[in-house]
Amino acid sequence: MITPTIRSAAALAVAGMALLAVPAPVQAAPTPSPGATPVTRAGTSFLTAAGIAGGQPVRVAASTGDYLYWSFPAEAGDRHEISASVSFPKARSGASTWTVEVFDGLRRRQSCTAGAQTPTVEAATGGVSLGCTLRQVRSWAEPWSADPLPGTYYVRLSVAELPEADLGLPVNVELLVSADQQDSRDDGELEAPLVAPTQAGKILSAEPAAQPAEETGSGYLDWLPVLGSRWIWSAVGGVLAAVAGVAGFAITRRPRRR
């Protein structure tokens, strides 16, 4: 006999399975900024990288095997997403592997948190899509770390593996760099020092009042330095050195000949 409790449990199980079957929302691809002028060139090295801005589309005709470079500025709080697509106007003889890489101003390769950074495409496919989402740019970082800092960044698009017969075939490249500034503050404000004061005792806010002459000693002796252990040991050391010098001279002195 099926009780109401069993019916309720079965209904909850069916509802849970239905929720699990719902596909997760897909993140929208970056779109160009309205009115942005497309860039139609690319550099062949870091020094000749073509400058682009966030949201500015890139459309370049190149050849398979070329190294394509672009540069873009990054500010603290930015989280950049690079999307690229390569289309093949002519048929190819085999599969190829493409890669998109990002470097900072010191030519250090930055890691990607999402995106198809090194996809492989078959010969019958007419194109391939690549992507790379960078970590959030920080306002400061330790010298030994590789955290992304504000400055100029470089994007390099190239083919990693392909049949030798396909080298030099034409390709059409589209690229877009977008910046998300919703989380522009990557660090909080420091309200109190992280290190406690190392000097124990009360901190004086004003200069101490001058003491009367009778408490500090005679006024005509104020110009003398205050004697401490350093002065005492220096004087004792000087006396001992003098005594040792005289004793050594007396021991090593030869008697005069008559």
Foldseek 3Di string as FASTA:
>chain_A
DDDPVNVVVVVVVVVVVVVVPDDDDDDDDDAADPPAAEAAAFDQDPVRGAEDEARHKYKYKDWAAGKGKHKYWDAAQKKKKKKKKKFAPDFADWKWKKAKWKAFPVRHTFAFPDWAGIDIDTRPDGMDMTMGIGDGAHCDDDPVDPGHHGDMMMMIIHIDDDDPVRGGGMMMMMMHMHIDRPRRDPDDDDPDDPDDDPDDDDDDPDDDDDDDCVVVDHPVCPVPDDDDPVVVVVVVVVVVVVVVVVVVCVVPDDDDDD
